[in-house]
Amino acid sequence: MNEFTIGSARWTQALSWLSIKQREVEEQLLALHQSDPVMSDGLAETVEDGVMSWKEEVHTNITALRRSLLSLSNKIKQSLNKLHLGTYGKCEKCGNLISAERLKAMPMASHCMYCA
């Protein structure tokens, strides 16, 4: 066990939480894709100005949400990778351990409170 390894109970808890969160994000991404009017065949035939403006606005909002979810997904994947490498809970900047309280509140934290 190296100096940055977290206890097995916390490791299991973090793995479980991160895996569940990753599935939730993937489900949300799928739902966004399905609700995007630009991706929908039903509204593709409509060419009225009001409908096109609405479609563009909704598509823009969905695209922003999608980017946010993809960013979150990447952070979750990085945290899962760190768990498997044994570096989860280590601050990327100073190398000190991230407090248990911070990891509990924010399991994807990559920096300690001092470096955040």
PDB file of N, CA and C in Angstrom:
ATOM      1  N   MET A   1       0.858  -1.188   0.000  1.00  0.00           N
ATOM      2  CA  MET A   1       0.000   0.000   0.000  1.00  0.00           C
ATOM      3  C   MET A   1       0.894   1.237   0.000  1.00  0.00           C
ATOM      4  N   ASN A   2       0.694   2.113  -0.999  1.00  0.00           N
ATOM      5  CA  ASN A   2       1.517   3.322  -1.013  1.00  0.00           C
ATOM      6  C   ASN A   2       0.873   4.408  -0.165  1.00  0.00           C
ATOM      7  N   GLU A   3       1.580   5.517   0.008  1.00  0.00           N
ATOM      8  CA  GLU A   3       1.109   6.561   0.917  1.00  0.00           C
ATOM      9  C   GLU A   3      -0.166   7.250   0.447  1.00  0.00           C
ATOM     10  N   PHE A   4      -0.543   7.077  -0.807  1.00  0.00           N
ATOM     11  CA  PHE A   4      -1.721   7.754  -1.326  1.00  0.00           C
ATOM     12  C   PHE A   4      -2.940   6.841  -1.427  1.00  0.00           C
ATOM     13  N   THR A   5      -2.810   5.592  -1.051  1.00  0.00           N
ATOM     14  CA  THR A   5      -3.921   4.660  -1.142  1.00  0.00           C
ATOM     15  C   THR A   5      -4.949   4.957  -0.059  1.00  0.00           C
ATOM     16  N   ILE A   6      -6.204   4.996  -0.464  1.00  0.00           N
ATOM     17  CA  ILE A   6      -7.268   5.216   0.514  1.00  0.00           C
ATOM     18  C   ILE A   6      -7.733   3.869   1.035  1.00  0.00           C
ATOM     19  N   GLY A   7      -8.412   3.864   2.161  1.00  0.00           N
ATOM     20  CA  GLY A   7      -8.903   2.631   2.751  1.00  0.00           C
ATOM     21  C   GLY A   7      -9.862   1.904   1.825  1.00  0.00           C
ATOM     22  N   SER A   8      -9.929   0.581   1.982  1.00  0.00           N
ATOM     23  CA  SER A   8     -10.747  -0.219   1.072  1.00  0.00           C
ATOM     24  C   SER A   8     -12.231   0.132   1.145  1.00  0.00           C
ATOM     25  N   ALA A   9     -12.724   0.493   2.320  1.00  0.00           N
ATOM     26  CA  ALA A   9     -14.140   0.872   2.435  1.00  0.00           C
ATOM     27  C   ALA A   9     -14.405   2.164   1.665  1.00  0.00           C
ATOM     28  N   ARG A  10     -13.519   3.138   1.796  1.00  0.00           N
ATOM     29  CA  ARG A  10     -13.677   4.400   1.050  1.00  0.00           C
ATOM     30  C   ARG A  10     -13.474   4.172  -0.439  1.00  0.00           C
ATOM     31  N   TRP A  11     -12.555   3.270  -0.797  1.00  0.00           N
ATOM     32  CA  TRP A  11     -12.313   2.948  -2.201  1.00  0.00           C
ATOM     33  C   TRP A  11     -13.576   2.357  -2.810  1.00  0.00           C
ATOM     34  N   THR A  12     -14.168   1.393  -2.103  1.00  0.00           N
ATOM     35  CA  THR A  12     -15.390   0.747  -2.588  1.00  0.00           C
ATOM     36  C   THR A  12     -16.530   1.747  -2.687  1.00  0.00           C
ATOM     37  N   GLN A  13     -16.649   2.600  -1.690  1.00  0.00           N
ATOM     38  CA  GLN A  13     -17.702   3.613  -1.694  1.00  0.00           C
ATOM     39  C   GLN A  13     -17.509   4.585  -2.861  1.00  0.00           C
ATOM     40  N   ALA A  14     -16.286   5.025  -3.081  1.00  0.00           N
ATOM     41  CA  ALA A  14     -16.004   5.948  -4.186  1.00  0.00           C
ATOM     42  C   ALA A  14     -16.264   5.276  -5.530  1.00  0.00           C
ATOM     43  N   LEU A  15     -15.841   4.028  -5.666  1.00  0.00           N
ATOM     44  CA  LEU A  15     -16.071   3.290  -6.909  1.00  0.00           C
ATOM     45  C   LEU A  15     -17.561   3.154  -7.190  1.00  0.00           C
ATOM     46  N   SER A  16     -18.314   2.811  -6.166  1.00  0.00           N
ATOM     47  CA  SER A  16     -19.762   2.656  -6.318  1.00  0.00           C
ATOM     48  C   SER A  16     -20.411   3.974  -6.715  1.00  0.00           C
ATOM     49  N   TRP A  17     -20.092   5.047  -5.990  1.00  0.00           N
ATOM     50  CA  TRP A  17     -20.703   6.344  -6.268  1.00  0.00           C
ATOM     51  C   TRP A  17     -20.342   6.823  -7.667  1.00  0.00           C
ATOM     52  N   LEU A  18     -19.069   6.730  -8.024  1.00  0.00           N
ATOM     53  CA  LEU A  18     -18.625   7.206  -9.333  1.00  0.00           C
ATOM     54  C   LEU A  18     -19.243   6.384 -10.466  1.00  0.00           C
ATOM     55  N   SER A  19     -19.360   5.084 -10.274  1.00  0.00           N
ATOM     56  CA  SER A  19     -19.974   4.228 -11.294  1.00  0.00           C
ATOM     57  C   SER A  19     -21.446   4.556 -11.482  1.00  0.00           C
ATOM     58  N   ILE A  20     -22.149   4.761 -10.379  1.00  0.00           N
ATOM     59  CA  ILE A  20     -23.566   5.132 -10.449  1.00  0.00           C
ATOM     60  C   ILE A  20     -23.709   6.481 -11.140  1.00  0.00           C
ATOM     61  N   LYS A  21     -22.886   7.435 -10.753  1.00  0.00           N
ATOM     62  CA  LYS A  21     -22.949   8.774 -11.345  1.00  0.00           C
ATOM     63  C   LYS A  21     -22.651   8.715 -12.844  1.00  0.00           C
ATOM     64  N   GLN A  22     -21.695   7.881 -13.246  1.00  0.00           N
ATOM     65  CA  GLN A  22     -21.362   7.753 -14.666  1.00  0.00           C
ATOM     66  C   GLN A  22     -22.559   7.210 -15.448  1.00  0.00           C
ATOM     67  N   ARG A  23     -23.243   6.211 -14.899  1.00  0.00           N
ATOM     68  CA  ARG A  23     -24.439   5.674 -15.566  1.00  0.00           C
ATOM     69  C   ARG A  23     -25.523   6.740 -15.685  1.00  0.00           C
ATOM     70  N   GLU A  24     -25.713   7.526 -14.619  1.00  0.00           N
ATOM     71  CA  GLU A  24     -26.715   8.599 -14.650  1.00  0.00           C
ATOM     72  C   GLU A  24     -26.386   9.622 -15.735  1.00  0.00           C
ATOM     73  N   VAL A  25     -25.121   9.989 -15.841  1.00  0.00           N
ATOM     74  CA  VAL A  25     -24.702  10.962 -16.850  1.00  0.00           C
ATOM     75  C   VAL A  25     -24.941  10.395 -18.249  1.00  0.00           C
ATOM     76  N   GLU A  26     -24.604   9.125 -18.457  1.00  0.00           N
ATOM     77  CA  GLU A  26     -24.825   8.499 -19.763  1.00  0.00           C
ATOM     78  C   GLU A  26     -26.311   8.464 -20.115  1.00  0.00           C
ATOM     79  N   GLU A  27     -27.169   8.184 -19.128  1.00  0.00           N
ATOM     80  CA  GLU A  27     -28.613   8.189 -19.360  1.00  0.00           C
ATOM     81  C   GLU A  27     -29.102   9.595 -19.701  1.00  0.00           C
ATOM     82  N   GLN A  28     -28.567  10.600 -19.015  1.00  0.00           N
ATOM     83  CA  GLN A  28     -28.955  11.981 -19.295  1.00  0.00           C
ATOM     84  C   GLN A  28     -28.505  12.405 -20.693  1.00  0.00           C
ATOM     85  N   LEU A  29     -27.319  11.978 -21.097  1.00  0.00           N
ATOM     86  CA  LEU A  29     -26.837  12.298 -22.444  1.00  0.00           C
ATOM     87  C   LEU A  29     -27.737  11.672 -23.507  1.00  0.00           C
ATOM     88  N   LEU A  30     -28.144  10.435 -23.288  1.00  0.00           N
ATOM     89  CA  LEU A  30     -29.047   9.768 -24.224  1.00  0.00           C
ATOM     90  C   LEU A  30     -30.393  10.488 -24.291  1.00  0.00           C
ATOM     91  N   ALA A  31     -30.927  10.856 -23.137  1.00  0.00           N
ATOM     92  CA  ALA A  31     -32.211  11.568 -23.095  1.00  0.00           C
ATOM     93  C   ALA A  31     -32.107  12.915 -23.812  1.00  0.00           C
ATOM     94  N   LEU A  32     -31.001  13.614 -23.630  1.00  0.00           N
ATOM     95  CA  LEU A  32     -30.809  14.890 -24.323  1.00  0.00           C
ATOM     96  C   LEU A  32     -30.777  14.689 -25.832  1.00  0.00           C
ATOM     97  N   HIS A  33     -30.053  13.677 -26.259  1.00  0.00           N
ATOM     98  CA  HIS A  33     -29.966  13.391 -27.692  1.00  0.00           C
ATOM     99  C   HIS A  33     -31.355  13.110 -28.265  1.00  0.00           C
ATOM    100  N   GLN A  34     -32.141  12.329 -27.529  1.00  0.00           N
ATOM    101  CA  GLN A  34     -33.474  11.966 -28.000  1.00  0.00           C
ATOM    102  C   GLN A  34     -34.443  13.142 -27.979  1.00  0.00           C
ATOM    103  N   SER A  35     -34.206  14.116 -27.113  1.00  0.00           N
ATOM    104  CA  SER A  35     -35.122  15.255 -27.021  1.00  0.00           C
ATOM    105  C   SER A  35     -34.693  16.440 -27.889  1.00  0.00           C
ATOM    106  N   ASP A  36     -33.553  16.322 -28.542  1.00  0.00           N
ATOM    107  CA  ASP A  36     -33.062  17.414 -29.388  1.00  0.00           C
ATOM    108  C   ASP A  36     -33.898  17.481 -30.666  1.00  0.00           C
ATOM    109  N   PRO A  37     -34.607  18.585 -30.889  1.00  0.00           N
ATOM    110  CA  PRO A  37     -35.462  18.675 -32.073  1.00  0.00           C
ATOM    111  C   PRO A  37     -34.682  18.626 -33.387  1.00  0.00           C
ATOM    112  N   VAL A  38     -33.414  18.967 -33.359  1.00  0.00           N
ATOM    113  CA  VAL A  38     -32.600  18.889 -34.572  1.00  0.00           C
ATOM    114  C   VAL A  38     -32.368  17.427 -34.952  1.00  0.00           C
ATOM    115  N   MET A  39     -32.344  16.548 -33.948  1.00  0.00           N
ATOM    116  CA  MET A  39     -32.134  15.124 -34.191  1.00  0.00           C
ATOM    117  C   MET A  39     -33.445  14.380 -34.455  1.00  0.00           C
ATOM    118  N   SER A  40     -34.562  15.046 -34.245  1.00  0.00           N
ATOM    119  CA  SER A  40     -35.874  14.419 -34.379  1.00  0.00           C
ATOM    120  C   SER A  40     -36.365  14.492 -35.817  1.00  0.00           C
ATOM    121  N   ASP A  41     -36.830  13.369 -36.332  1.00  0.00           N
ATOM    122  CA  ASP A  41     -37.388  13.328 -37.686  1.00  0.00           C
ATOM    123  C   ASP A  41     -38.735  14.027 -37.757  1.00  0.00           C
ATOM    124  N   GLY A  42     -39.467  14.043 -36.664  1.00  0.00           N
ATOM    125  CA  GLY A  42     -40.811  14.600 -36.652  1.00  0.00           C
ATOM    126  C   GLY A  42     -40.864  16.073 -36.994  1.00  0.00           C
ATOM    127  N   LEU A  43     -39.886  16.834 -36.583  1.00  0.00           N
ATOM    128  CA  LEU A  43     -39.886  18.271 -36.845  1.00  0.00           C
ATOM    129  C   LEU A  43     -38.989  18.653 -38.022  1.00  0.00           C
ATOM    130  N   ALA A  44     -38.358  17.686 -38.626  1.00  0.00           N
ATOM    131  CA  ALA A  44     -37.417  17.983 -39.706  1.00  0.00           C
ATOM    132  C   ALA A  44     -38.103  18.598 -40.918  1.00  0.00           C
ATOM    133  N   GLU A  45     -39.354  18.244 -41.162  1.00  0.00           N
ATOM    134  CA  GLU A  45     -40.081  18.736 -42.329  1.00  0.00           C
ATOM    135  C   GLU A  45     -40.551  20.178 -42.153  1.00  0.00           C
ATOM    136  N   THR A  46     -40.648  20.659 -40.916  1.00  0.00           N
ATOM    137  CA  THR A  46     -41.193  21.981 -40.643  1.00  0.00           C
ATOM    138  C   THR A  46     -40.172  23.050 -41.007  1.00  0.00           C
ATOM    139  N   VAL A  47     -40.632  24.068 -41.755  1.00  0.00           N
ATOM    140  CA  VAL A  47     -39.716  25.124 -42.160  1.00  0.00           C
ATOM    141  C   VAL A  47     -40.211  26.512 -41.750  1.00  0.00           C
ATOM    142  N   GLU A  48     -41.243  26.571 -40.947  1.00  0.00           N
ATOM    143  CA  GLU A  48     -41.761  27.861 -40.497  1.00  0.00           C
ATOM    144  C   GLU A  48     -40.720  28.558 -39.626  1.00  0.00           C
ATOM    145  N   ASP A  49     -40.647  29.890 -39.769  1.00  0.00           N
ATOM    146  CA  ASP A  49     -39.647  30.664 -39.034  1.00  0.00           C
ATOM    147  C   ASP A  49     -39.732  30.464 -37.527  1.00  0.00           C
ATOM    148  N   GLY A  50     -40.923  30.530 -36.960  1.00  0.00           N
ATOM    149  CA  GLY A  50     -41.088  30.379 -35.514  1.00  0.00           C
ATOM    150  C   GLY A  50     -40.624  29.029 -35.018  1.00  0.00           C
ATOM    151  N   VAL A  51     -40.942  27.995 -35.779  1.00  0.00           N
ATOM    152  CA  VAL A  51     -40.536  26.641 -35.387  1.00  0.00           C
ATOM    153  C   VAL A  51     -39.030  26.488 -35.519  1.00  0.00           C
ATOM    154  N   MET A  52     -38.455  27.044 -36.571  1.00  0.00           N
ATOM    155  CA  MET A  52     -37.001  26.949 -36.749  1.00  0.00           C
ATOM    156  C   MET A  52     -36.270  27.687 -35.629  1.00  0.00           C
ATOM    157  N   SER A  53     -36.777  28.856 -35.249  1.00  0.00           N
ATOM    158  CA  SER A  53     -36.162  29.603 -34.145  1.00  0.00           C
ATOM    159  C   SER A  53     -36.243  28.810 -32.855  1.00  0.00           C
ATOM    160  N   TRP A  54     -37.397  28.199 -32.610  1.00  0.00           N
ATOM    161  CA  TRP A  54     -37.586  27.383 -31.412  1.00  0.00           C
ATOM    162  C   TRP A  54     -36.628  26.200 -31.428  1.00  0.00           C
ATOM    163  N   LYS A  55     -36.544  25.514 -32.590  1.00  0.00           N
ATOM    164  CA  LYS A  55     -35.650  24.358 -32.705  1.00  0.00           C
ATOM    165  C   LYS A  55     -34.200  24.762 -32.453  1.00  0.00           C
ATOM    166  N   GLU A  56     -33.798  25.883 -33.016  1.00  0.00           N
ATOM    167  CA  GLU A  56     -32.417  26.342 -32.839  1.00  0.00           C
ATOM    168  C   GLU A  56     -32.131  26.696 -31.382  1.00  0.00           C
ATOM    169  N   GLU A  57     -33.086  27.336 -30.731  1.00  0.00           N
ATOM    170  CA  GLU A  57     -32.901  27.710 -29.325  1.00  0.00           C
ATOM    171  C   GLU A  57     -32.808  26.472 -28.438  1.00  0.00           C
ATOM    172  N   VAL A  58     -33.720  25.531 -28.656  1.00  0.00           N
ATOM    173  CA  VAL A  58     -33.699  24.293 -27.866  1.00  0.00           C
ATOM    174  C   VAL A  58     -32.411  23.529 -28.144  1.00  0.00           C
ATOM    175  N   HIS A  59     -32.023  23.447 -29.406  1.00  0.00           N
ATOM    176  CA  HIS A  59     -30.790  22.741 -29.768  1.00  0.00           C
ATOM    177  C   HIS A  59     -29.572  23.391 -29.105  1.00  0.00           C
ATOM    178  N   THR A  60     -29.531  24.718 -29.079  1.00  0.00           N
ATOM    179  CA  THR A  60     -28.430  25.440 -28.431  1.00  0.00           C
ATOM    180  C   THR A  60     -28.373  25.120 -26.943  1.00  0.00           C
ATOM    181  N   ASN A  61     -29.534  25.112 -26.286  1.00  0.00           N
ATOM    182  CA  ASN A  61     -29.585  24.785 -24.853  1.00  0.00           C
ATOM    183  C   ASN A  61     -29.165  23.343 -24.599  1.00  0.00           C
ATOM    184  N   ILE A  62     -29.639  22.431 -25.436  1.00  0.00           N
ATOM    185  CA  ILE A  62     -29.280  21.019 -25.281  1.00  0.00           C
ATOM    186  C   ILE A  62     -27.789  20.826 -25.523  1.00  0.00           C
ATOM    187  N   THR A  63     -27.237  21.532 -26.489  1.00  0.00           N
ATOM    188  CA  THR A  63     -25.801  21.433 -26.772  1.00  0.00           C
ATOM    189  C   THR A  63     -24.977  21.898 -25.570  1.00  0.00           C
ATOM    190  N   ALA A  64     -25.396  22.976 -24.928  1.00  0.00           N
ATOM    191  CA  ALA A  64     -24.692  23.468 -23.733  1.00  0.00           C
ATOM    192  C   ALA A  64     -24.778  22.449 -22.599  1.00  0.00           C
ATOM    193  N   LEU A  65     -25.958  21.878 -22.390  1.00  0.00           N
ATOM    194  CA  LEU A  65     -26.116  20.850 -21.355  1.00  0.00           C
ATOM    195  C   LEU A  65     -25.266  19.626 -21.679  1.00  0.00           C
ATOM    196  N   ARG A  66     -25.238  19.262 -22.942  1.00  0.00           N
ATOM    197  CA  ARG A  66     -24.461  18.098 -23.369  1.00  0.00           C
ATOM    198  C   ARG A  66     -22.972  18.320 -23.084  1.00  0.00           C
ATOM    199  N   ARG A  67     -22.478  19.500 -23.391  1.00  0.00           N
ATOM    200  CA  ARG A  67     -21.060  19.811 -23.114  1.00  0.00           C
ATOM    201  C   ARG A  67     -20.754  19.708 -21.625  1.00  0.00           C
ATOM    202  N   SER A  68     -21.662  20.222 -20.815  1.00  0.00           N
ATOM    203  CA  SER A  68     -21.490  20.163 -19.364  1.00  0.00           C
ATOM    204  C   SER A  68     -21.473  18.713 -18.882  1.00  0.00           C
ATOM    205  N   LEU A  69     -22.390  17.904 -19.400  1.00  0.00           N
ATOM    206  CA  LEU A  69     -22.443  16.491 -19.010  1.00  0.00           C
ATOM    207  C   LEU A  69     -21.218  15.728 -19.502  1.00  0.00           C
ATOM    208  N   LEU A  70     -20.735  16.044 -20.688  1.00  0.00           N
ATOM    209  CA  LEU A  70     -19.526  15.385 -21.193  1.00  0.00           C
ATOM    210  C   LEU A  70     -18.312  15.742 -20.339  1.00  0.00           C
ATOM    211  N   SER A  71     -18.242  16.985 -19.894  1.00  0.00           N
ATOM    212  CA  SER A  71     -17.163  17.403 -18.997  1.00  0.00           C
ATOM    213  C   SER A  71     -17.238  16.639 -17.677  1.00  0.00           C
ATOM    214  N   LEU A  72     -18.441  16.527 -17.136  1.00  0.00           N
ATOM    215  CA  LEU A  72     -18.638  15.768 -15.899  1.00  0.00           C
ATOM    216  C   LEU A  72     -18.260  14.309 -16.106  1.00  0.00           C
ATOM    217  N   SER A  73     -18.659  13.738 -17.232  1.00  0.00           N
ATOM    218  CA  SER A  73     -18.322  12.351 -17.547  1.00  0.00           C
ATOM    219  C   SER A  73     -16.811  12.154 -17.598  1.00  0.00           C
ATOM    220  N   ASN A  74     -16.101  13.094 -18.201  1.00  0.00           N
ATOM    221  CA  ASN A  74     -14.634  13.003 -18.259  1.00  0.00           C
ATOM    222  C   ASN A  74     -14.016  13.056 -16.869  1.00  0.00           C
ATOM    223  N   LYS A  75     -14.541  13.916 -15.996  1.00  0.00           N
ATOM    224  CA  LYS A  75     -14.032  14.002 -14.625  1.00  0.00           C
ATOM    225  C   LYS A  75     -14.288  12.701 -13.867  1.00  0.00           C
ATOM    226  N   ILE A  76     -15.450  12.108 -14.089  1.00  0.00           N
ATOM    227  CA  ILE A  76     -15.768  10.836 -13.436  1.00  0.00           C
ATOM    228  C   ILE A  76     -14.810   9.758 -13.927  1.00  0.00           C
ATOM    229  N   LYS A  77     -14.583   9.698 -15.239  1.00  0.00           N
ATOM    230  CA  LYS A  77     -13.671   8.698 -15.801  1.00  0.00           C
ATOM    231  C   LYS A  77     -12.252   8.885 -15.264  1.00  0.00           C
ATOM    232  N   GLN A  78     -11.816  10.134 -15.134  1.00  0.00           N
ATOM    233  CA  GLN A  78     -10.488  10.400 -14.569  1.00  0.00           C
ATOM    234  C   GLN A  78     -10.410   9.915 -13.124  1.00  0.00           C
ATOM    235  N   SER A  79     -11.472  10.152 -12.359  1.00  0.00           N
ATOM    236  CA  SER A  79     -11.492   9.711 -10.958  1.00  0.00           C
ATOM    237  C   SER A  79     -11.495   8.193 -10.872  1.00  0.00           C
ATOM    238  N   LEU A  80     -12.260   7.532 -11.737  1.00  0.00           N
ATOM    239  CA  LEU A  80     -12.270   6.064 -11.760  1.00  0.00           C
ATOM    240  C   LEU A  80     -10.888   5.530 -12.122  1.00  0.00           C
ATOM    241  N   ASN A  81     -10.234   6.159 -13.070  1.00  0.00           N
ATOM    242  CA  ASN A  81      -8.885   5.755 -13.455  1.00  0.00           C
ATOM    243  C   ASN A  81      -7.917   5.922 -12.286  1.00  0.00           C
ATOM    244  N   LYS A  82      -8.042   7.040 -11.569  1.00  0.00           N
ATOM    245  CA  LYS A  82      -7.188   7.274 -10.397  1.00  0.00           C
ATOM    246  C   LYS A  82      -7.424   6.215  -9.324  1.00  0.00           C
ATOM    247  N   LEU A  83      -8.676   5.810  -9.154  1.00  0.00           N
ATOM    248  CA  LEU A  83      -8.974   4.751  -8.183  1.00  0.00           C
ATOM    249  C   LEU A  83      -8.197   3.492  -8.532  1.00  0.00           C
ATOM    250  N   HIS A  84      -8.224   3.123  -9.800  1.00  0.00           N
ATOM    251  CA  HIS A  84      -7.557   1.894 -10.228  1.00  0.00           C
ATOM    252  C   HIS A  84      -6.033   2.011 -10.219  1.00  0.00           C
ATOM    253  N   LEU A  85      -5.531   3.230 -10.379  1.00  0.00           N
ATOM    254  CA  LEU A  85      -4.080   3.443 -10.335  1.00  0.00           C
ATOM    255  C   LEU A  85      -3.552   3.615  -8.912  1.00  0.00           C
ATOM    256  N   GLY A  86      -4.481   3.820  -7.966  1.00  0.00           N
ATOM    257  CA  GLY A  86      -4.071   4.022  -6.577  1.00  0.00           C
ATOM    258  C   GLY A  86      -3.702   5.457  -6.256  1.00  0.00           C
ATOM    259  N   THR A  87      -4.093   6.401  -7.113  1.00  0.00           N
ATOM    260  CA  THR A  87      -3.768   7.807  -6.871  1.00  0.00           C
ATOM    261  C   THR A  87      -4.998   8.638  -6.533  1.00  0.00           C
ATOM    262  N   TYR A  88      -6.139   8.000  -6.387  1.00  0.00           N
ATOM    263  CA  TYR A  88      -7.362   8.726  -6.044  1.00  0.00           C
ATOM    264  C   TYR A  88      -7.205   9.354  -4.663  1.00  0.00           C
ATOM    265  N   GLY A  89      -7.574  10.614  -4.558  1.00  0.00           N
ATOM    266  CA  GLY A  89      -7.476  11.307  -3.279  1.00  0.00           C
ATOM    267  C   GLY A  89      -6.183  12.081  -3.102  1.00  0.00           C
ATOM    268  N   LYS A  90      -5.337  12.065  -4.127  1.00  0.00           N
ATOM    269  CA  LYS A  90      -4.070  12.794  -4.089  1.00  0.00           C
ATOM    270  C   LYS A  90      -4.245  14.084  -4.888  1.00  0.00           C
ATOM    271  N   CYS A  91      -3.870  15.207  -4.298  1.00  0.00           N
ATOM    272  CA  CYS A  91      -3.970  16.503  -4.970  1.00  0.00           C
ATOM    273  C   CYS A  91      -3.031  16.526  -6.183  1.00  0.00           C
ATOM    274  N   GLU A  92      -3.574  16.912  -7.323  1.00  0.00           N
ATOM    275  CA  GLU A  92      -2.774  16.962  -8.550  1.00  0.00           C
ATOM    276  C   GLU A  92      -1.735  18.082  -8.535  1.00  0.00           C
ATOM    277  N   LYS A  93      -1.937  19.071  -7.695  1.00  0.00           N
ATOM    278  CA  LYS A  93      -1.015  20.212  -7.675  1.00  0.00           C
ATOM    279  C   LYS A  93       0.110  20.022  -6.653  1.00  0.00           C
ATOM    280  N   CYS A  94      -0.258  19.785  -5.388  1.00  0.00           N
ATOM    281  CA  CYS A  94       0.764  19.724  -4.335  1.00  0.00           C
ATOM    282  C   CYS A  94       1.142  18.298  -3.939  1.00  0.00           C
ATOM    283  N   GLY A  95       0.325  17.326  -4.313  1.00  0.00           N
ATOM    284  CA  GLY A  95       0.625  15.937  -3.994  1.00  0.00           C
ATOM    285  C   GLY A  95       0.142  15.477  -2.637  1.00  0.00           C
ATOM    286  N   ASN A  96      -0.406  16.384  -1.833  1.00  0.00           N
ATOM    287  CA  ASN A  96      -0.936  15.993  -0.525  1.00  0.00           C
ATOM    288  C   ASN A  96      -2.272  15.281  -0.689  1.00  0.00           C
ATOM    289  N   LEU A  97      -2.680  14.607   0.379  1.00  0.00           N
ATOM    290  CA  LEU A  97      -3.973  13.931   0.345  1.00  0.00           C
ATOM    291  C   LEU A  97      -5.107  14.946   0.411  1.00  0.00           C
ATOM    292  N   ILE A  98      -6.147  14.688  -0.354  1.00  0.00           N
ATOM    293  CA  ILE A  98      -7.362  15.502  -0.298  1.00  0.00           C
ATOM    294  C   ILE A  98      -8.155  15.001   0.901  1.00  0.00           C
ATOM    295  N   SER A  99      -8.686  15.915   1.687  1.00  0.00           N
ATOM    296  CA  SER A  99      -9.387  15.515   2.909  1.00  0.00           C
ATOM    297  C   SER A  99     -10.588  14.623   2.601  1.00  0.00           C
ATOM    298  N   ALA A 100     -10.873  13.734   3.538  1.00  0.00           N
ATOM    299  CA  ALA A 100     -12.017  12.833   3.397  1.00  0.00           C
ATOM    300  C   ALA A 100     -13.313  13.622   3.265  1.00  0.00           C
ATOM    301  N   GLU A 101     -13.406  14.727   3.991  1.00  0.00           N
ATOM    302  CA  GLU A 101     -14.613  15.557   3.929  1.00  0.00           C
ATOM    303  C   GLU A 101     -14.812  16.117   2.525  1.00  0.00           C
ATOM    304  N   ARG A 102     -13.725  16.574   1.914  1.00  0.00           N
ATOM    305  CA  ARG A 102     -13.817  17.132   0.556  1.00  0.00           C
ATOM    306  C   ARG A 102     -14.195  16.044  -0.444  1.00  0.00           C
ATOM    307  N   LEU A 103     -13.585  14.880  -0.329  1.00  0.00           N
ATOM    308  CA  LEU A 103     -13.905  13.794  -1.250  1.00  0.00           C
ATOM    309  C   LEU A 103     -15.337  13.303  -1.060  1.00  0.00           C
ATOM    310  N   LYS A 104     -15.804  13.342   0.177  1.00  0.00           N
ATOM    311  CA  LYS A 104     -17.185  12.930   0.431  1.00  0.00           C
ATOM    312  C   LYS A 104     -18.154  13.920  -0.217  1.00  0.00           C
ATOM    313  N   ALA A 105     -17.845  15.203  -0.103  1.00  0.00           N
ATOM    314  CA  ALA A 105     -18.709  16.234  -0.683  1.00  0.00           C
ATOM    315  C   ALA A 105     -18.546  16.312  -2.200  1.00  0.00           C
ATOM    316  N   MET A 106     -17.340  16.053  -2.668  1.00  0.00           N
ATOM    317  CA  MET A 106     -17.027  16.209  -4.089  1.00  0.00           C
ATOM    318  C   MET A 106     -16.099  15.070  -4.526  1.00  0.00           C
ATOM    319  N   PRO A 107     -16.646  13.870  -4.774  1.00  0.00           N
ATOM    320  CA  PRO A 107     -15.818  12.695  -5.071  1.00  0.00           C
ATOM    321  C   PRO A 107     -14.898  12.839  -6.282  1.00  0.00           C
ATOM    322  N   MET A 108     -15.161  13.812  -7.147  1.00  0.00           N
ATOM    323  CA  MET A 108     -14.314  13.996  -8.319  1.00  0.00           C
ATOM    324  C   MET A 108     -13.266  15.085  -8.113  1.00  0.00           C
ATOM    325  N   ALA A 109     -13.108  15.535  -6.874  1.00  0.00           N
ATOM    326  CA  ALA A 109     -12.125  16.590  -6.584  1.00  0.00           C
ATOM    327  C   ALA A 109     -10.730  16.109  -6.973  1.00  0.00           C
ATOM    328  N   SER A 110     -10.000  16.978  -7.643  1.00  0.00           N
ATOM    329  CA  SER A 110      -8.640  16.628  -8.041  1.00  0.00           C
ATOM    330  C   SER A 110      -7.600  17.483  -7.316  1.00  0.00           C
ATOM    331  N   HIS A 111      -8.092  18.440  -6.517  1.00  0.00           N
ATOM    332  CA  HIS A 111      -7.202  19.310  -5.749  1.00  0.00           C
ATOM    333  C   HIS A 111      -7.677  19.403  -4.300  1.00  0.00           C
ATOM    334  N   CYS A 112      -6.735  19.559  -3.400  1.00  0.00           N
ATOM    335  CA  CYS A 112      -7.077  19.778  -1.999  1.00  0.00           C
ATOM    336  C   CYS A 112      -7.662  21.184  -1.849  1.00  0.00           C
ATOM    337  N   MET A 113      -8.179  21.488  -0.675  1.00  0.00           N
ATOM    338  CA  MET A 113      -8.793  22.801  -0.441  1.00  0.00           C
ATOM    339  C   MET A 113      -7.793  23.944  -0.637  1.00  0.00           C
ATOM    340  N   TYR A 114      -6.538  23.713  -0.270  1.00  0.00           N
ATOM    341  CA  TYR A 114      -5.530  24.769  -0.369  1.00  0.00           C
ATOM    342  C   TYR A 114      -5.177  25.097  -1.819  1.00  0.00           C
ATOM    343  N   CYS A 115      -5.233  24.087  -2.683  1.00  0.00           N
ATOM    344  CA  CYS A 115      -4.849  24.286  -4.081  1.00  0.00           C
ATOM    345  C   CYS A 115      -6.041  24.544  -5.004  1.00  0.00           C
ATOM    346  N   ALA A 116      -7.237  24.346  -4.491  1.00  0.00           N
ATOM    347  CA  ALA A 116      -8.434  24.506  -5.341  1.00  0.00           C
ATOM    348  C   ALA A 116      -8.635  25.943  -5.751  1.00  0.00           C
TER     349      ALA A 116
END
